[in-house]
C-alpha atoms as a PDB file:
ATOM      1  CA  UNK A   1     -71.745 147.114  54.286  1.00  0.00           C
ATOM      2  CA  UNK A   2     -67.964 147.299  54.362  1.00  0.00           C
ATOM      3  CA  UNK A   3     -65.759 144.219  54.087  1.00  0.00           C
ATOM      4  CA  UNK A   4     -64.710 144.164  57.748  1.00  0.00           C
ATOM      5  CA  UNK A   5     -68.341 144.269  58.861  1.00  0.00           C
ATOM      6  CA  UNK A   6     -69.170 141.438  56.480  1.00  0.00           C
ATOM      7  CA  UNK A   7     -66.257 139.379  57.814  1.00  0.00           C
ATOM      8  CA  UNK A   8     -67.340 139.958  61.402  1.00  0.00           C
ATOM      9  CA  UNK A   9     -70.920 138.969  60.582  1.00  0.00           C
ATOM     10  CA  UNK A  10     -69.717 135.704  59.020  1.00  0.00           C
ATOM     11  CA  UNK A  11     -67.415 134.850  61.935  1.00  0.00           C
ATOM     12  CA  UNK A  12     -69.758 135.910  64.754  1.00  0.00           C
ATOM     13  CA  UNK A  13     -71.608 133.042  66.410  1.00  0.00           C
ATOM     14  CA  UNK A  14     -69.065 130.502  65.135  1.00  0.00           C
ATOM     15  CA  UNK A  15     -66.281 128.724  66.963  1.00  0.00           C
ATOM     16  CA  UNK A  16     -64.005 131.576  65.838  1.00  0.00           C
ATOM     17  CA  UNK A  17     -65.971 133.997  68.014  1.00  0.00           C
ATOM     18  CA  UNK A  18     -65.599 131.766  71.078  1.00  0.00           C
ATOM     19  CA  UNK A  19     -61.906 131.105  70.473  1.00  0.00           C
ATOM     20  CA  UNK A  20     -61.169 134.823  69.997  1.00  0.00           C
ATOM     21  CA  UNK A  21     -62.425 135.541  73.494  1.00  0.00           C
ATOM     22  CA  UNK A  22     -60.162 132.835  74.946  1.00  0.00           C
ATOM     23  CA  UNK A  23     -57.121 134.061  72.990  1.00  0.00           C
ATOM     24  CA  UNK A  24     -57.705 137.633  74.156  1.00  0.00           C
ATOM     25  CA  UNK A  25     -57.504 136.447  77.768  1.00  0.00           C
ATOM     26  CA  UNK A  26     -53.982 135.120  77.163  1.00  0.00           C
ATOM     27  CA  UNK A  27     -52.651 138.683  76.783  1.00  0.00           C
ATOM     28  CA  UNK A  28     -50.203 137.721  74.041  1.00  0.00           C
ATOM     29  CA  UNK A  29     -48.502 140.821  72.629  1.00  0.00           C
ATOM     30  CA  UNK A  30     -49.838 142.017  69.264  1.00  0.00           C
ATOM     31  CA  UNK A  31     -51.695 138.773  68.552  1.00  0.00           C
ATOM     32  CA  UNK A  32     -53.909 137.867  65.612  1.00  0.00           C
ATOM     33  CA  UNK A  33     -55.943 134.788  64.786  1.00  0.00           C
ATOM     34  CA  UNK A  34     -55.302 134.256  61.093  1.00  0.00           C
ATOM     35  CA  UNK A  35     -54.904 131.585  58.479  1.00  0.00           C
ATOM     36  CA  UNK A  36     -57.009 128.581  57.626  1.00  0.00           C
ATOM     37  CA  UNK A  37     -59.526 128.778  60.472  1.00  0.00           C
ATOM     38  CA  UNK A  38     -60.643 132.226  59.346  1.00  0.00           C
ATOM     39  CA  UNK A  39     -60.422 131.425  55.630  1.00  0.00           C
ATOM     40  CA  UNK A  40     -62.233 128.085  55.836  1.00  0.00           C
ATOM     41  CA  UNK A  41     -64.989 129.413  58.090  1.00  0.00           C
ATOM     42  CA  UNK A  42     -65.673 132.145  55.547  1.00  0.00           C
ATOM     43  CA  UNK A  43     -65.571 129.759  52.585  1.00  0.00           C
ATOM     44  CA  UNK A  44     -67.886 127.285  54.346  1.00  0.00           C
ATOM     45  CA  UNK A  45     -70.333 130.123  54.992  1.00  0.00           C
ATOM     46  CA  UNK A  46     -70.224 131.367  51.405  1.00  0.00           C
ATOM     47  CA  UNK A  47     -70.049 128.053  49.517  1.00  0.00           C
ATOM     48  CA  UNK A  48     -71.965 125.801  51.904  1.00  0.00           C
ATOM     49  CA  UNK A  49     -71.784 122.044  52.247  1.00  0.00           C
ATOM     50  CA  UNK A  50     -70.115 121.598  48.861  1.00  0.00           C
ATOM     51  CA  UNK A  51     -66.956 123.124  50.294  1.00  0.00           C
ATOM     52  CA  UNK A  52     -65.178 120.467  52.331  1.00  0.00           C
ATOM     53  CA  UNK A  53     -62.617 122.730  53.982  1.00  0.00           C
ATOM     54  CA  UNK A  54     -63.009 122.744  57.754  1.00  0.00           C
ATOM     55  CA  UNK A  55     -60.927 124.089  60.599  1.00  0.00           C
ATOM     56  CA  UNK A  56     -57.788 121.986  60.881  1.00  0.00           C
ATOM     57  CA  UNK A  57     -56.240 124.228  63.518  1.00  0.00           C
ATOM     58  CA  UNK A  58     -56.248 127.774  64.826  1.00  0.00           C
ATOM     59  CA  UNK A  59     -53.185 129.771  63.772  1.00  0.00           C
ATOM     60  CA  UNK A  60     -52.368 132.369  66.415  1.00  0.00           C
ATOM     61  CA  UNK A  61     -49.538 134.725  65.584  1.00  0.00           C
ATOM     62  CA  UNK A  62     -48.038 137.206  68.026  1.00  0.00           C
ATOM     63  CA  UNK A  63     -44.852 139.227  68.350  1.00  0.00           C
ATOM     64  CA  UNK A  64     -42.606 139.352  71.400  1.00  0.00           C
ATOM     65  CA  UNK A  65     -38.933 140.046  70.718  1.00  0.00           C
ATOM     66  CA  UNK A  66     -38.114 138.883  74.273  1.00  0.00           C
ATOM     67  CA  UNK A  67     -40.364 135.828  74.096  1.00  0.00           C
ATOM     68  CA  UNK A  68     -39.329 132.205  73.973  1.00  0.00           C
ATOM     69  CA  UNK A  69     -40.798 128.822  73.066  1.00  0.00           C
ATOM     70  CA  UNK A  70     -42.288 128.334  76.539  1.00  0.00           C
ATOM     71  CA  UNK A  71     -44.596 131.294  75.895  1.00  0.00           C
ATOM     72  CA  UNK A  72     -45.976 129.565  72.777  1.00  0.00           C
ATOM     73  CA  UNK A  73     -46.343 126.232  74.577  1.00  0.00           C
ATOM     74  CA  UNK A  74     -48.110 127.768  77.587  1.00  0.00           C
ATOM     75  CA  UNK A  75     -50.619 129.564  75.342  1.00  0.00           C
ATOM     76  CA  UNK A  76     -51.242 126.377  73.369  1.00  0.00           C
ATOM     77  CA  UNK A  77     -51.711 124.340  76.565  1.00  0.00           C
ATOM     78  CA  UNK A  78     -54.218 126.839  77.982  1.00  0.00           C
ATOM     79  CA  UNK A  79     -56.254 126.867  74.775  1.00  0.00           C
ATOM     80  CA  UNK A  80     -56.105 123.077  74.420  1.00  0.00           C
ATOM     81  CA  UNK A  81     -57.413 122.710  77.966  1.00  0.00           C
ATOM     82  CA  UNK A  82     -60.367 124.974  77.148  1.00  0.00           C
ATOM     83  CA  UNK A  83     -60.970 123.414  73.700  1.00  0.00           C
ATOM     84  CA  UNK A  84     -59.745 119.795  73.916  1.00  0.00           C
ATOM     85  CA  UNK A  85     -61.228 118.835  70.544  1.00  0.00           C
ATOM     86  CA  UNK A  86     -59.351 121.550  68.635  1.00  0.00           C
ATOM     87  CA  UNK A  87     -55.748 122.105  67.534  1.00  0.00           C
ATOM     88  CA  UNK A  88     -53.817 125.324  68.118  1.00  0.00           C
ATOM     89  CA  UNK A  89     -50.667 126.545  66.414  1.00  0.00           C
ATOM     90  CA  UNK A  90     -49.276 129.447  68.439  1.00  0.00           C
ATOM     91  CA  UNK A  91     -46.206 131.115  66.945  1.00  0.00           C
ATOM     92  CA  UNK A  92     -44.139 134.100  67.987  1.00  0.00           C
ATOM     93  CA  UNK A  93     -43.373 135.852  64.706  1.00  0.00           C
ATOM     94  CA  UNK A  94     -40.274 137.397  66.317  1.00  0.00           C
ATOM     95  CA  UNK A  95     -38.708 133.925  66.348  1.00  0.00           C
ATOM     96  CA  UNK A  96     -39.915 132.878  62.888  1.00  0.00           C
ATOM     97  CA  UNK A  97     -36.442 132.780  61.357  1.00  0.00           C
ATOM     98  CA  UNK A  98     -35.338 130.380  64.116  1.00  0.00           C
ATOM     99  CA  UNK A  99     -38.012 127.769  63.374  1.00  0.00           C
ATOM    100  CA  UNK A 100     -38.289 128.323  59.605  1.00  0.00           C
ATOM    101  CA  UNK A 101     -34.698 128.119  58.439  1.00  0.00           C
ATOM    102  CA  UNK A 102     -33.740 130.295  55.504  1.00  0.00           C
ATOM    103  CA  UNK A 103     -36.420 132.883  56.268  1.00  0.00           C
ATOM    104  CA  UNK A 104     -35.745 136.473  57.138  1.00  0.00           C
ATOM    105  CA  UNK A 105     -36.720 137.693  60.612  1.00  0.00           C
ATOM    106  CA  UNK A 106     -40.075 139.435  60.857  1.00  0.00           C
ATOM    107  CA  UNK A 107     -40.381 142.862  62.439  1.00  0.00           C
ATOM    108  CA  UNK A 108     -44.007 142.499  63.582  1.00  0.00           C
ATOM    109  CA  UNK A 109     -46.915 140.087  63.637  1.00  0.00           C
ATOM    110  CA  UNK A 110     -48.338 141.909  60.637  1.00  0.00           C
ATOM    111  CA  UNK A 111     -45.079 141.450  58.731  1.00  0.00           C
ATOM    112  CA  UNK A 112     -45.346 137.714  59.327  1.00  0.00           C
ATOM    113  CA  UNK A 113     -48.994 137.428  58.267  1.00  0.00           C
ATOM    114  CA  UNK A 114     -48.353 139.527  55.151  1.00  0.00           C
ATOM    115  CA  UNK A 115     -45.853 136.863  54.084  1.00  0.00           C
ATOM    116  CA  UNK A 116     -48.168 133.861  54.493  1.00  0.00           C
ATOM    117  CA  UNK A 117     -48.748 131.783  51.352  1.00  0.00           C
ATOM    118  CA  UNK A 118     -52.085 133.091  50.036  1.00  0.00           C
ATOM    119  CA  UNK A 119     -53.959 136.385  50.176  1.00  0.00           C
ATOM    120  CA  UNK A 120     -57.116 134.706  51.511  1.00  0.00           C
ATOM    121  CA  UNK A 121     -55.048 133.179  54.318  1.00  0.00           C
ATOM    122  CA  UNK A 122     -53.312 136.448  55.236  1.00  0.00           C
ATOM    123  CA  UNK A 123     -56.355 137.728  57.115  1.00  0.00           C
ATOM    124  CA  UNK A 124     -56.162 138.408  60.837  1.00  0.00           C
ATOM    125  CA  UNK A 125     -58.887 139.018  63.391  1.00  0.00           C
ATOM    126  CA  UNK A 126     -58.701 139.767  67.093  1.00  0.00           C
ATOM    127  CA  UNK A 127     -60.505 141.427  69.955  1.00  0.00           C
ATOM    128  CA  UNK A 128     -59.125 144.591  71.528  1.00  0.00           C
ATOM    129  CA  UNK A 129     -59.109 145.275  75.273  1.00  0.00           C
ATOM    130  CA  UNK A 130     -62.746 146.430  75.084  1.00  0.00           C
ATOM    131  CA  UNK A 131     -63.833 143.277  73.223  1.00  0.00           C
ATOM    132  CA  UNK A 132     -64.203 145.081  69.892  1.00  0.00           C
ATOM    133  CA  UNK A 133     -63.251 143.257  66.708  1.00  0.00           C
ATOM    134  CA  UNK A 134     -60.135 144.364  64.848  1.00  0.00           C
ATOM    135  CA  UNK A 135     -58.972 143.265  61.415  1.00  0.00           C
ATOM    136  CA  UNK A 136     -55.668 142.989  59.599  1.00  0.00           C
ATOM    137  CA  UNK A 137     -56.187 142.512  55.864  1.00  0.00           C
ATOM    138  CA  UNK A 138     -53.022 143.473  53.957  1.00  0.00           C
ATOM    139  CA  UNK A 139     -54.474 142.290  50.633  1.00  0.00           C
ATOM    140  CA  UNK A 140     -58.070 143.249  51.300  1.00  0.00           C
ATOM    141  CA  UNK A 141     -60.899 140.742  51.497  1.00  0.00           C
ATOM    142  CA  UNK A 142     -62.029 140.416  47.880  1.00  0.00           C
ATOM    143  CA  UNK A 143     -60.074 137.194  47.266  1.00  0.00           C
ATOM    144  CA  UNK A 144     -61.435 135.674  50.468  1.00  0.00           C
ATOM    145  CA  UNK A 145     -65.054 136.555  49.684  1.00  0.00           C
ATOM    146  CA  UNK A 146     -64.724 135.585  46.008  1.00  0.00           C
ATOM    147  CA  UNK A 147     -63.061 132.217  46.695  1.00  0.00           C
ATOM    148  CA  UNK A 148     -59.871 133.156  44.884  1.00  0.00           C
ATOM    149  CA  UNK A 149     -56.629 131.403  45.745  1.00  0.00           C
ATOM    150  CA  UNK A 150     -53.820 133.837  44.968  1.00  0.00           C
ATOM    151  CA  UNK A 151     -50.261 133.573  46.258  1.00  0.00           C
ATOM    152  CA  UNK A 152     -48.990 136.576  48.162  1.00  0.00           C
ATOM    153  CA  UNK A 153     -46.234 138.510  46.351  1.00  0.00           C
ATOM    154  CA  UNK A 154     -43.527 136.699  48.330  1.00  0.00           C
ATOM    155  CA  UNK A 155     -44.846 133.312  47.167  1.00  0.00           C
ATOM    156  CA  UNK A 156     -45.762 133.853  43.513  1.00  0.00           C
ATOM    157  CA  UNK A 157     -43.317 131.148  42.393  1.00  0.00           C
ATOM    158  CA  UNK A 158     -43.465 128.976  45.522  1.00  0.00           C
ATOM    159  CA  UNK A 159     -44.261 125.333  44.718  1.00  0.00           C
ATOM    160  CA  UNK A 160     -45.696 124.845  48.213  1.00  0.00           C
ATOM    161  CA  UNK A 161     -48.222 127.640  47.589  1.00  0.00           C
ATOM    162  CA  UNK A 162     -49.243 125.946  44.324  1.00  0.00           C
ATOM    163  CA  UNK A 163     -49.552 122.514  45.976  1.00  0.00           C
ATOM    164  CA  UNK A 164     -51.688 123.857  48.814  1.00  0.00           C
ATOM    165  CA  UNK A 165     -53.911 125.636  46.302  1.00  0.00           C
ATOM    166  CA  UNK A 166     -54.449 122.337  44.476  1.00  0.00           C
ATOM    167  CA  UNK A 167     -55.507 120.731  47.759  1.00  0.00           C
ATOM    168  CA  UNK A 168     -58.003 123.525  48.399  1.00  0.00           C
ATOM    169  CA  UNK A 169     -59.530 123.034  44.934  1.00  0.00           C
ATOM    170  CA  UNK A 170     -59.956 119.292  45.504  1.00  0.00           C
ATOM    171  CA  UNK A 171     -61.943 119.926  48.680  1.00  0.00           C
ATOM    172  CA  UNK A 172     -63.876 122.965  47.495  1.00  0.00           C
ATOM    173  CA  UNK A 173     -64.595 123.043  43.740  1.00  0.00           C
ATOM    174  CA  UNK A 174     -66.144 126.520  43.971  1.00  0.00           C
ATOM    175  CA  UNK A 175     -62.725 128.102  44.473  1.00  0.00           C
ATOM    176  CA  UNK A 176     -60.665 129.592  41.643  1.00  0.00           C
ATOM    177  CA  UNK A 177     -56.947 130.050  41.093  1.00  0.00           C
ATOM    178  CA  UNK A 178     -55.659 133.523  40.300  1.00  0.00           C
END
């Protein structure tokens, strides 16, 4: 079985699967669900109850050069109405440099996700127009499946990446630092 198939099998029949369908209906341009929701769902599946990392929020990244903050807020409001017990972080990667000062502008959603803190977090999933799963895995899925916390190349010396990794280890002792 290939890695994408394995990822889909882990995420199917979880809250991720339900949320993906709702996100797809928003018609955000070039969107991906990525980050901690995907990572923690996989780690909980692999490591079981001993891994105390749950879904804090759903990180939805999209890219619309013409978009504005109201687009993000409307998507978040729609999802929050459908899932009132969950948190959503909807961000237009085209405006990243405006809300994360000192950062370079991204040229696509994929460019943004590739620059997230850890390789196991830089994993995107979405549904296409036919409802088929798609995957964006710039660093592959080995670190995710093996419970390895490795900073992405842009964050090798980033103290925030190190601090977050320490927090992951406290909640899930099965993880390893790279």
